[in-house]
């Protein structure tokens, strides 16, 4: 564990580099000097420089290629959960979506079974994807569907990771999603998420669970997303009840 003095040096250097990044000293995607060069420039130990860079990386301000650090500023703030490929195209970026494994019917885990009102172990459709750009993964997206709704589209899902399955279900079955229920928590990433999202252990992530329901309270889709916290902005609007509020 770093001493208070060492933590102060780490934070001080991070503050100086953060200001230089925001000022544009390294460009919007330029390479930072090496750890050795920064160590000499600021008269600090390599370990201190490394920890400062880790801190800035956890904030989303830096990305890593091999052993080099590159600026990732200004940060793109993504509102909620748009149709991801279309949103990135509108920002002038090239979207990349990967199926982490082939979409398939799988046994429903306990929490998913509750959402769909089936027994644990009953078959449901699972689709797991990673979405972002070539250089920056933004989120992991786990979609669950009732077998009777999504099984006809399995092969298309496998061929097209960007396929809008919920839209196809609504069109084919003549139903409409009326309500979306969200649950959001902030946490640190798991080992698998660190690898897939190319983040460090101290990077905050948002775990968002969404349940998409029809007017008859039928769940069409259940989504569990893991979002790199620095890139997303979630906002909600709802009626305010004056009586009983504090």
C-alpha atoms as a PDB file:
ATOM      1  CA  UNK A   1       0.000   0.000   0.000  1.00  0.00           C
ATOM      2  CA  UNK A   2       1.341   3.426  -0.978  1.00  0.00           C
ATOM      3  CA  UNK A   3       2.136   5.896   1.788  1.00  0.00           C
ATOM      4  CA  UNK A   4       0.215   9.164   2.069  1.00  0.00           C
ATOM      5  CA  UNK A   5       3.218  11.001   0.649  1.00  0.00           C
ATOM      6  CA  UNK A   6       3.411   8.654  -2.321  1.00  0.00           C
ATOM      7  CA  UNK A   7      -0.336   8.886  -2.943  1.00  0.00           C
ATOM      8  CA  UNK A   8       0.040  12.659  -2.914  1.00  0.00           C
ATOM      9  CA  UNK A   9       2.730  12.472  -5.608  1.00  0.00           C
ATOM     10  CA  UNK A  10       0.579  10.151  -7.723  1.00  0.00           C
ATOM     11  CA  UNK A  11      -2.410  12.496  -7.506  1.00  0.00           C
ATOM     12  CA  UNK A  12      -0.241  15.571  -8.124  1.00  0.00           C
ATOM     13  CA  UNK A  13       1.265  14.124 -11.296  1.00  0.00           C
ATOM     14  CA  UNK A  14      -2.149  12.874 -12.457  1.00  0.00           C
ATOM     15  CA  UNK A  15      -3.525  16.401 -12.004  1.00  0.00           C
ATOM     16  CA  UNK A  16      -0.709  17.917 -14.072  1.00  0.00           C
ATOM     17  CA  UNK A  17      -1.071  15.379 -16.864  1.00  0.00           C
ATOM     18  CA  UNK A  18      -4.857  15.683 -16.787  1.00  0.00           C
ATOM     19  CA  UNK A  19      -4.577  19.437 -17.354  1.00  0.00           C
ATOM     20  CA  UNK A  20      -2.110  18.939 -20.202  1.00  0.00           C
ATOM     21  CA  UNK A  21      -4.440  16.408 -21.833  1.00  0.00           C
ATOM     22  CA  UNK A  22      -7.440  18.743 -21.569  1.00  0.00           C
ATOM     23  CA  UNK A  23      -5.346  21.668 -22.838  1.00  0.00           C
ATOM     24  CA  UNK A  24      -4.480  19.656 -25.940  1.00  0.00           C
ATOM     25  CA  UNK A  25      -0.726  19.403 -25.373  1.00  0.00           C
ATOM     26  CA  UNK A  26      -0.720  15.850 -26.781  1.00  0.00           C
ATOM     27  CA  UNK A  27      -3.492  16.333 -29.341  1.00  0.00           C
ATOM     28  CA  UNK A  28      -6.825  14.497 -29.210  1.00  0.00           C
ATOM     29  CA  UNK A  29      -5.316  11.070 -29.801  1.00  0.00           C
ATOM     30  CA  UNK A  30      -1.574  11.675 -29.556  1.00  0.00           C
ATOM     31  CA  UNK A  31       0.976   9.525 -27.790  1.00  0.00           C
ATOM     32  CA  UNK A  32       2.248  10.517 -24.380  1.00  0.00           C
ATOM     33  CA  UNK A  33       5.973  10.412 -23.595  1.00  0.00           C
ATOM     34  CA  UNK A  34       7.163   7.084 -22.233  1.00  0.00           C
ATOM     35  CA  UNK A  35       7.105   6.285 -18.537  1.00  0.00           C
ATOM     36  CA  UNK A  36      10.894   6.778 -18.471  1.00  0.00           C
ATOM     37  CA  UNK A  37      10.645  10.170 -20.181  1.00  0.00           C
ATOM     38  CA  UNK A  38       7.882  11.353 -17.844  1.00  0.00           C
ATOM     39  CA  UNK A  39       9.891  10.117 -14.866  1.00  0.00           C
ATOM     40  CA  UNK A  40      12.856  12.272 -15.923  1.00  0.00           C
ATOM     41  CA  UNK A  41      10.688  15.278 -16.858  1.00  0.00           C
ATOM     42  CA  UNK A  42       8.888  15.414 -13.508  1.00  0.00           C
ATOM     43  CA  UNK A  43      11.667  14.007 -11.327  1.00  0.00           C
ATOM     44  CA  UNK A  44       9.487  11.182 -10.024  1.00  0.00           C
ATOM     45  CA  UNK A  45       9.967   7.439  -9.730  1.00  0.00           C
ATOM     46  CA  UNK A  46       8.794   5.275 -12.604  1.00  0.00           C
ATOM     47  CA  UNK A  47       6.367   3.520 -10.233  1.00  0.00           C
ATOM     48  CA  UNK A  48       4.775   6.874  -9.377  1.00  0.00           C
ATOM     49  CA  UNK A  49       4.398   7.768 -13.061  1.00  0.00           C
ATOM     50  CA  UNK A  50       2.905   4.356 -13.814  1.00  0.00           C
ATOM     51  CA  UNK A  51       0.311   4.695 -11.042  1.00  0.00           C
ATOM     52  CA  UNK A  52      -0.620   8.183 -12.255  1.00  0.00           C
ATOM     53  CA  UNK A  53      -1.140   6.852 -15.778  1.00  0.00           C
ATOM     54  CA  UNK A  54      -3.286   4.023 -14.408  1.00  0.00           C
ATOM     55  CA  UNK A  55      -5.445   6.594 -12.652  1.00  0.00           C
ATOM     56  CA  UNK A  56      -5.948   8.587 -15.857  1.00  0.00           C
ATOM     57  CA  UNK A  57      -6.648   5.389 -17.760  1.00  0.00           C
ATOM     58  CA  UNK A  58      -9.341   4.446 -15.244  1.00  0.00           C
ATOM     59  CA  UNK A  59     -10.957   7.847 -15.950  1.00  0.00           C
ATOM     60  CA  UNK A  60     -11.059   7.073 -19.665  1.00  0.00           C
ATOM     61  CA  UNK A  61      -8.562   9.824 -20.552  1.00  0.00           C
ATOM     62  CA  UNK A  62      -5.915   7.390 -21.802  1.00  0.00           C
ATOM     63  CA  UNK A  63      -5.920   4.189 -23.808  1.00  0.00           C
ATOM     64  CA  UNK A  64      -3.082   1.736 -24.225  1.00  0.00           C
ATOM     65  CA  UNK A  65      -1.523   0.109 -27.276  1.00  0.00           C
ATOM     66  CA  UNK A  66       1.216  -2.288 -26.312  1.00  0.00           C
ATOM     67  CA  UNK A  67       3.361  -0.307 -23.878  1.00  0.00           C
ATOM     68  CA  UNK A  68       2.356   3.127 -25.204  1.00  0.00           C
ATOM     69  CA  UNK A  69      -0.256   5.506 -23.782  1.00  0.00           C
ATOM     70  CA  UNK A  70      -2.488   7.542 -26.084  1.00  0.00           C
ATOM     71  CA  UNK A  71      -4.827  10.428 -25.342  1.00  0.00           C
ATOM     72  CA  UNK A  72      -8.551   9.687 -25.465  1.00  0.00           C
ATOM     73  CA  UNK A  73      -9.954  13.202 -25.080  1.00  0.00           C
ATOM     74  CA  UNK A  74     -12.453  14.755 -25.341  1.00  0.00           C
ATOM     75  CA  UNK A  75     -14.418  11.863 -23.908  1.00  0.00           C
ATOM     76  CA  UNK A  76     -17.511  10.885 -25.843  1.00  0.00           C
ATOM     77  CA  UNK A  77     -20.524  10.832 -23.519  1.00  0.00           C
ATOM     78  CA  UNK A  78     -23.127   8.355 -24.737  1.00  0.00           C
ATOM     79  CA  UNK A  79     -26.722   9.062 -23.656  1.00  0.00           C
ATOM     80  CA  UNK A  80     -28.392   5.951 -22.250  1.00  0.00           C
ATOM     81  CA  UNK A  81     -28.619   2.940 -24.566  1.00  0.00           C
ATOM     82  CA  UNK A  82     -29.205   4.099 -28.156  1.00  0.00           C
ATOM     83  CA  UNK A  83     -29.090   1.796 -31.167  1.00  0.00           C
ATOM     84  CA  UNK A  84     -25.357   1.592 -30.810  1.00  0.00           C
ATOM     85  CA  UNK A  85     -24.138   1.165 -34.369  1.00  0.00           C
ATOM     86  CA  UNK A  86     -26.322   4.030 -35.628  1.00  0.00           C
ATOM     87  CA  UNK A  87     -25.286   6.311 -32.769  1.00  0.00           C
ATOM     88  CA  UNK A  88     -21.564   5.802 -33.416  1.00  0.00           C
ATOM     89  CA  UNK A  89     -22.051   6.383 -37.147  1.00  0.00           C
ATOM     90  CA  UNK A  90     -23.735   9.705 -36.332  1.00  0.00           C
ATOM     91  CA  UNK A  91     -20.605  10.673 -34.367  1.00  0.00           C
ATOM     92  CA  UNK A  92     -18.445  10.010 -37.422  1.00  0.00           C
ATOM     93  CA  UNK A  93     -17.051   6.783 -35.955  1.00  0.00           C
ATOM     94  CA  UNK A  94     -16.913   3.289 -37.391  1.00  0.00           C
ATOM     95  CA  UNK A  95     -18.871   0.963 -35.096  1.00  0.00           C
ATOM     96  CA  UNK A  96     -17.599  -2.522 -34.340  1.00  0.00           C
ATOM     97  CA  UNK A  97     -19.839  -5.170 -32.807  1.00  0.00           C
ATOM     98  CA  UNK A  98     -18.563  -8.652 -32.009  1.00  0.00           C
ATOM     99  CA  UNK A  99     -20.569 -11.683 -30.979  1.00  0.00           C
ATOM    100  CA  UNK A 100     -18.648 -12.990 -27.952  1.00  0.00           C
ATOM    101  CA  UNK A 101     -20.107 -16.396 -28.723  1.00  0.00           C
ATOM    102  CA  UNK A 102     -22.826 -17.669 -31.061  1.00  0.00           C
ATOM    103  CA  UNK A 103     -26.349 -16.651 -30.011  1.00  0.00           C
ATOM    104  CA  UNK A 104     -28.155 -19.803 -28.908  1.00  0.00           C
ATOM    105  CA  UNK A 105     -30.838 -21.255 -26.669  1.00  0.00           C
ATOM    106  CA  UNK A 106     -29.465 -21.918 -23.177  1.00  0.00           C
ATOM    107  CA  UNK A 107     -30.824 -22.899 -19.741  1.00  0.00           C
ATOM    108  CA  UNK A 108     -32.250 -19.862 -17.945  1.00  0.00           C
ATOM    109  CA  UNK A 109     -30.319 -18.859 -14.807  1.00  0.00           C
ATOM    110  CA  UNK A 110     -32.401 -18.080 -11.742  1.00  0.00           C
ATOM    111  CA  UNK A 111     -32.620 -14.293 -12.199  1.00  0.00           C
ATOM    112  CA  UNK A 112     -33.513 -14.546 -15.893  1.00  0.00           C
ATOM    113  CA  UNK A 113     -36.125 -17.227 -15.182  1.00  0.00           C
ATOM    114  CA  UNK A 114     -37.852 -14.858 -12.740  1.00  0.00           C
ATOM    115  CA  UNK A 115     -37.955 -12.086 -15.345  1.00  0.00           C
ATOM    116  CA  UNK A 116     -39.599 -14.322 -17.955  1.00  0.00           C
ATOM    117  CA  UNK A 117     -41.826 -16.184 -15.511  1.00  0.00           C
ATOM    118  CA  UNK A 118     -40.361 -19.600 -16.365  1.00  0.00           C
ATOM    119  CA  UNK A 119     -38.583 -22.280 -14.371  1.00  0.00           C
ATOM    120  CA  UNK A 120     -34.842 -22.126 -13.791  1.00  0.00           C
ATOM    121  CA  UNK A 121     -33.231 -24.254 -16.489  1.00  0.00           C
ATOM    122  CA  UNK A 122     -35.995 -23.689 -19.056  1.00  0.00           C
ATOM    123  CA  UNK A 123     -34.648 -22.744 -22.471  1.00  0.00           C
ATOM    124  CA  UNK A 124     -34.206 -19.070 -23.381  1.00  0.00           C
ATOM    125  CA  UNK A 125     -32.244 -17.306 -26.121  1.00  0.00           C
ATOM    126  CA  UNK A 126     -28.950 -15.622 -25.127  1.00  0.00           C
ATOM    127  CA  UNK A 127     -26.939 -13.165 -27.211  1.00  0.00           C
ATOM    128  CA  UNK A 128     -23.627 -11.738 -25.885  1.00  0.00           C
ATOM    129  CA  UNK A 129     -21.829  -8.918 -27.697  1.00  0.00           C
ATOM    130  CA  UNK A 130     -19.076  -6.336 -27.325  1.00  0.00           C
ATOM    131  CA  UNK A 131     -19.724  -2.935 -28.875  1.00  0.00           C
ATOM    132  CA  UNK A 132     -17.537   0.074 -29.584  1.00  0.00           C
ATOM    133  CA  UNK A 133     -14.923   1.075 -32.145  1.00  0.00           C
ATOM    134  CA  UNK A 134     -11.772  -0.694 -33.317  1.00  0.00           C
ATOM    135  CA  UNK A 135      -9.741   1.117 -30.651  1.00  0.00           C
ATOM    136  CA  UNK A 136     -12.219   1.571 -27.789  1.00  0.00           C
ATOM    137  CA  UNK A 137     -14.743  -1.002 -26.525  1.00  0.00           C
ATOM    138  CA  UNK A 138     -17.602   0.860 -24.830  1.00  0.00           C
ATOM    139  CA  UNK A 139     -19.897  -1.820 -23.503  1.00  0.00           C
ATOM    140  CA  UNK A 140     -20.693  -5.509 -23.132  1.00  0.00           C
ATOM    141  CA  UNK A 141     -24.274  -6.296 -24.050  1.00  0.00           C
ATOM    142  CA  UNK A 142     -26.080  -9.431 -22.901  1.00  0.00           C
ATOM    143  CA  UNK A 143     -29.574  -9.925 -24.368  1.00  0.00           C
ATOM    144  CA  UNK A 144     -32.069 -12.580 -23.278  1.00  0.00           C
ATOM    145  CA  UNK A 145     -35.299 -13.440 -25.147  1.00  0.00           C
ATOM    146  CA  UNK A 146     -38.147 -15.965 -24.793  1.00  0.00           C
ATOM    147  CA  UNK A 147     -37.489 -18.897 -27.118  1.00  0.00           C
ATOM    148  CA  UNK A 148     -40.848 -18.552 -28.858  1.00  0.00           C
ATOM    149  CA  UNK A 149     -40.053 -14.909 -29.749  1.00  0.00           C
ATOM    150  CA  UNK A 150     -36.434 -15.054 -30.851  1.00  0.00           C
ATOM    151  CA  UNK A 151     -35.646 -18.586 -32.041  1.00  0.00           C
ATOM    152  CA  UNK A 152     -36.723 -17.810 -35.648  1.00  0.00           C
ATOM    153  CA  UNK A 153     -34.015 -15.134 -35.793  1.00  0.00           C
ATOM    154  CA  UNK A 154     -31.099 -17.143 -34.376  1.00  0.00           C
ATOM    155  CA  UNK A 155     -29.267 -17.611 -37.663  1.00  0.00           C
ATOM    156  CA  UNK A 156     -29.656 -13.928 -38.555  1.00  0.00           C
ATOM    157  CA  UNK A 157     -28.304 -12.954 -35.120  1.00  0.00           C
ATOM    158  CA  UNK A 158     -25.251 -15.116 -35.730  1.00  0.00           C
ATOM    159  CA  UNK A 159     -24.625 -13.511 -39.108  1.00  0.00           C
ATOM    160  CA  UNK A 160     -25.421  -9.902 -38.119  1.00  0.00           C
ATOM    161  CA  UNK A 161     -24.267  -8.813 -34.632  1.00  0.00           C
ATOM    162  CA  UNK A 162     -26.025  -5.441 -35.113  1.00  0.00           C
ATOM    163  CA  UNK A 163     -29.434  -6.946 -35.901  1.00  0.00           C
ATOM    164  CA  UNK A 164     -32.287  -5.217 -34.032  1.00  0.00           C
ATOM    165  CA  UNK A 165     -33.952  -8.343 -32.643  1.00  0.00           C
ATOM    166  CA  UNK A 166     -36.490  -6.530 -30.455  1.00  0.00           C
ATOM    167  CA  UNK A 167     -37.651  -4.552 -33.486  1.00  0.00           C
ATOM    168  CA  UNK A 168     -38.034  -7.715 -35.550  1.00  0.00           C
ATOM    169  CA  UNK A 169     -39.986  -9.432 -32.776  1.00  0.00           C
ATOM    170  CA  UNK A 170     -42.390  -6.493 -32.563  1.00  0.00           C
ATOM    171  CA  UNK A 171     -42.864  -6.387 -36.351  1.00  0.00           C
ATOM    172  CA  UNK A 172     -43.324 -10.138 -36.781  1.00  0.00           C
ATOM    173  CA  UNK A 173     -45.652 -10.675 -33.813  1.00  0.00           C
ATOM    174  CA  UNK A 174     -47.545  -7.395 -33.989  1.00  0.00           C
ATOM    175  CA  UNK A 175     -46.715  -6.392 -30.419  1.00  0.00           C
ATOM    176  CA  UNK A 176     -45.393  -3.140 -28.970  1.00  0.00           C
ATOM    177  CA  UNK A 177     -42.947  -2.516 -26.148  1.00  0.00           C
ATOM    178  CA  UNK A 178     -44.658  -0.082 -23.792  1.00  0.00           C
ATOM    179  CA  UNK A 179     -42.553  -0.096 -20.625  1.00  0.00           C
ATOM    180  CA  UNK A 180     -38.822  -0.308 -19.881  1.00  0.00           C
ATOM    181  CA  UNK A 181     -37.673  -1.005 -16.327  1.00  0.00           C
ATOM    182  CA  UNK A 182     -34.100  -0.027 -15.499  1.00  0.00           C
ATOM    183  CA  UNK A 183     -31.836  -1.006 -12.636  1.00  0.00           C
ATOM    184  CA  UNK A 184     -28.354   0.554 -12.467  1.00  0.00           C
ATOM    185  CA  UNK A 185     -25.453  -0.166 -10.138  1.00  0.00           C
ATOM    186  CA  UNK A 186     -21.856   1.074 -10.129  1.00  0.00           C
ATOM    187  CA  UNK A 187     -19.063  -1.397  -9.425  1.00  0.00           C
ATOM    188  CA  UNK A 188     -15.554  -2.460 -10.401  1.00  0.00           C
ATOM    189  CA  UNK A 189     -15.105  -4.777 -13.382  1.00  0.00           C
ATOM    190  CA  UNK A 190     -14.591  -8.516 -13.175  1.00  0.00           C
ATOM    191  CA  UNK A 191     -11.464 -10.166 -14.596  1.00  0.00           C
ATOM    192  CA  UNK A 192     -13.329 -11.101 -17.797  1.00  0.00           C
ATOM    193  CA  UNK A 193     -14.702  -7.559 -18.187  1.00  0.00           C
ATOM    194  CA  UNK A 194     -11.217  -6.065 -17.714  1.00  0.00           C
ATOM    195  CA  UNK A 195      -9.952  -8.193 -20.589  1.00  0.00           C
ATOM    196  CA  UNK A 196     -12.910  -7.619 -22.919  1.00  0.00           C
ATOM    197  CA  UNK A 197     -13.264  -3.873 -22.277  1.00  0.00           C
ATOM    198  CA  UNK A 198      -9.501  -3.223 -22.137  1.00  0.00           C
ATOM    199  CA  UNK A 199      -9.761  -1.354 -18.838  1.00  0.00           C
ATOM    200  CA  UNK A 200      -7.879  -1.508 -15.553  1.00  0.00           C
ATOM    201  CA  UNK A 201      -9.169  -2.894 -12.285  1.00  0.00           C
ATOM    202  CA  UNK A 202      -9.917   0.574 -10.854  1.00  0.00           C
ATOM    203  CA  UNK A 203     -12.133   1.626 -13.779  1.00  0.00           C
ATOM    204  CA  UNK A 204     -15.744   2.105 -12.609  1.00  0.00           C
ATOM    205  CA  UNK A 205     -18.349   0.328 -14.710  1.00  0.00           C
ATOM    206  CA  UNK A 206     -22.119   0.639 -14.759  1.00  0.00           C
ATOM    207  CA  UNK A 207     -24.166  -2.545 -14.760  1.00  0.00           C
ATOM    208  CA  UNK A 208     -27.534  -1.754 -16.318  1.00  0.00           C
ATOM    209  CA  UNK A 209     -30.428  -4.211 -16.335  1.00  0.00           C
ATOM    210  CA  UNK A 210     -33.367  -3.431 -18.622  1.00  0.00           C
ATOM    211  CA  UNK A 211     -36.659  -5.258 -18.888  1.00  0.00           C
ATOM    212  CA  UNK A 212     -38.758  -4.522 -22.003  1.00  0.00           C
ATOM    213  CA  UNK A 213     -42.477  -5.167 -21.501  1.00  0.00           C
ATOM    214  CA  UNK A 214     -45.664  -5.053 -23.579  1.00  0.00           C
ATOM    215  CA  UNK A 215     -48.965  -3.531 -22.452  1.00  0.00           C
ATOM    216  CA  UNK A 216     -49.924  -7.019 -21.243  1.00  0.00           C
ATOM    217  CA  UNK A 217     -46.812  -7.113 -19.016  1.00  0.00           C
ATOM    218  CA  UNK A 218     -45.088  -9.708 -21.219  1.00  0.00           C
ATOM    219  CA  UNK A 219     -41.292  -9.440 -21.230  1.00  0.00           C
ATOM    220  CA  UNK A 220     -40.007  -9.299 -24.817  1.00  0.00           C
ATOM    221  CA  UNK A 221     -36.346  -8.824 -23.913  1.00  0.00           C
ATOM    222  CA  UNK A 222     -34.126  -8.655 -20.839  1.00  0.00           C
ATOM    223  CA  UNK A 223     -30.793  -6.848 -21.176  1.00  0.00           C
ATOM    224  CA  UNK A 224     -27.760  -6.834 -18.907  1.00  0.00           C
ATOM    225  CA  UNK A 225     -25.158  -4.303 -20.057  1.00  0.00           C
ATOM    226  CA  UNK A 226     -21.773  -3.469 -18.587  1.00  0.00           C
ATOM    227  CA  UNK A 227     -20.771   0.071 -19.570  1.00  0.00           C
ATOM    228  CA  UNK A 228     -17.389   1.760 -19.092  1.00  0.00           C
ATOM    229  CA  UNK A 229     -18.502   4.461 -16.655  1.00  0.00           C
ATOM    230  CA  UNK A 230     -16.423   7.301 -18.132  1.00  0.00           C
ATOM    231  CA  UNK A 231     -18.216   7.108 -21.490  1.00  0.00           C
ATOM    232  CA  UNK A 232     -21.878   6.991 -20.494  1.00  0.00           C
ATOM    233  CA  UNK A 233     -24.439   9.448 -19.220  1.00  0.00           C
ATOM    234  CA  UNK A 234     -27.693   7.984 -17.906  1.00  0.00           C
ATOM    235  CA  UNK A 235     -30.604  10.317 -17.220  1.00  0.00           C
ATOM    236  CA  UNK A 236     -34.193   9.673 -16.184  1.00  0.00           C
ATOM    237  CA  UNK A 237     -37.372  11.724 -16.161  1.00  0.00           C
ATOM    238  CA  UNK A 238     -40.419  10.723 -14.115  1.00  0.00           C
ATOM    239  CA  UNK A 239     -43.455  12.327 -12.435  1.00  0.00           C
ATOM    240  CA  UNK A 240     -42.876  13.889  -9.023  1.00  0.00           C
ATOM    241  CA  UNK A 241     -45.385  13.069  -6.282  1.00  0.00           C
ATOM    242  CA  UNK A 242     -45.430  15.909  -3.801  1.00  0.00           C
ATOM    243  CA  UNK A 243     -47.226  14.162  -0.934  1.00  0.00           C
ATOM    244  CA  UNK A 244     -44.914  12.002   1.126  1.00  0.00           C
ATOM    245  CA  UNK A 245     -41.747  13.145  -0.643  1.00  0.00           C
ATOM    246  CA  UNK A 246     -38.735  14.286   1.339  1.00  0.00           C
END
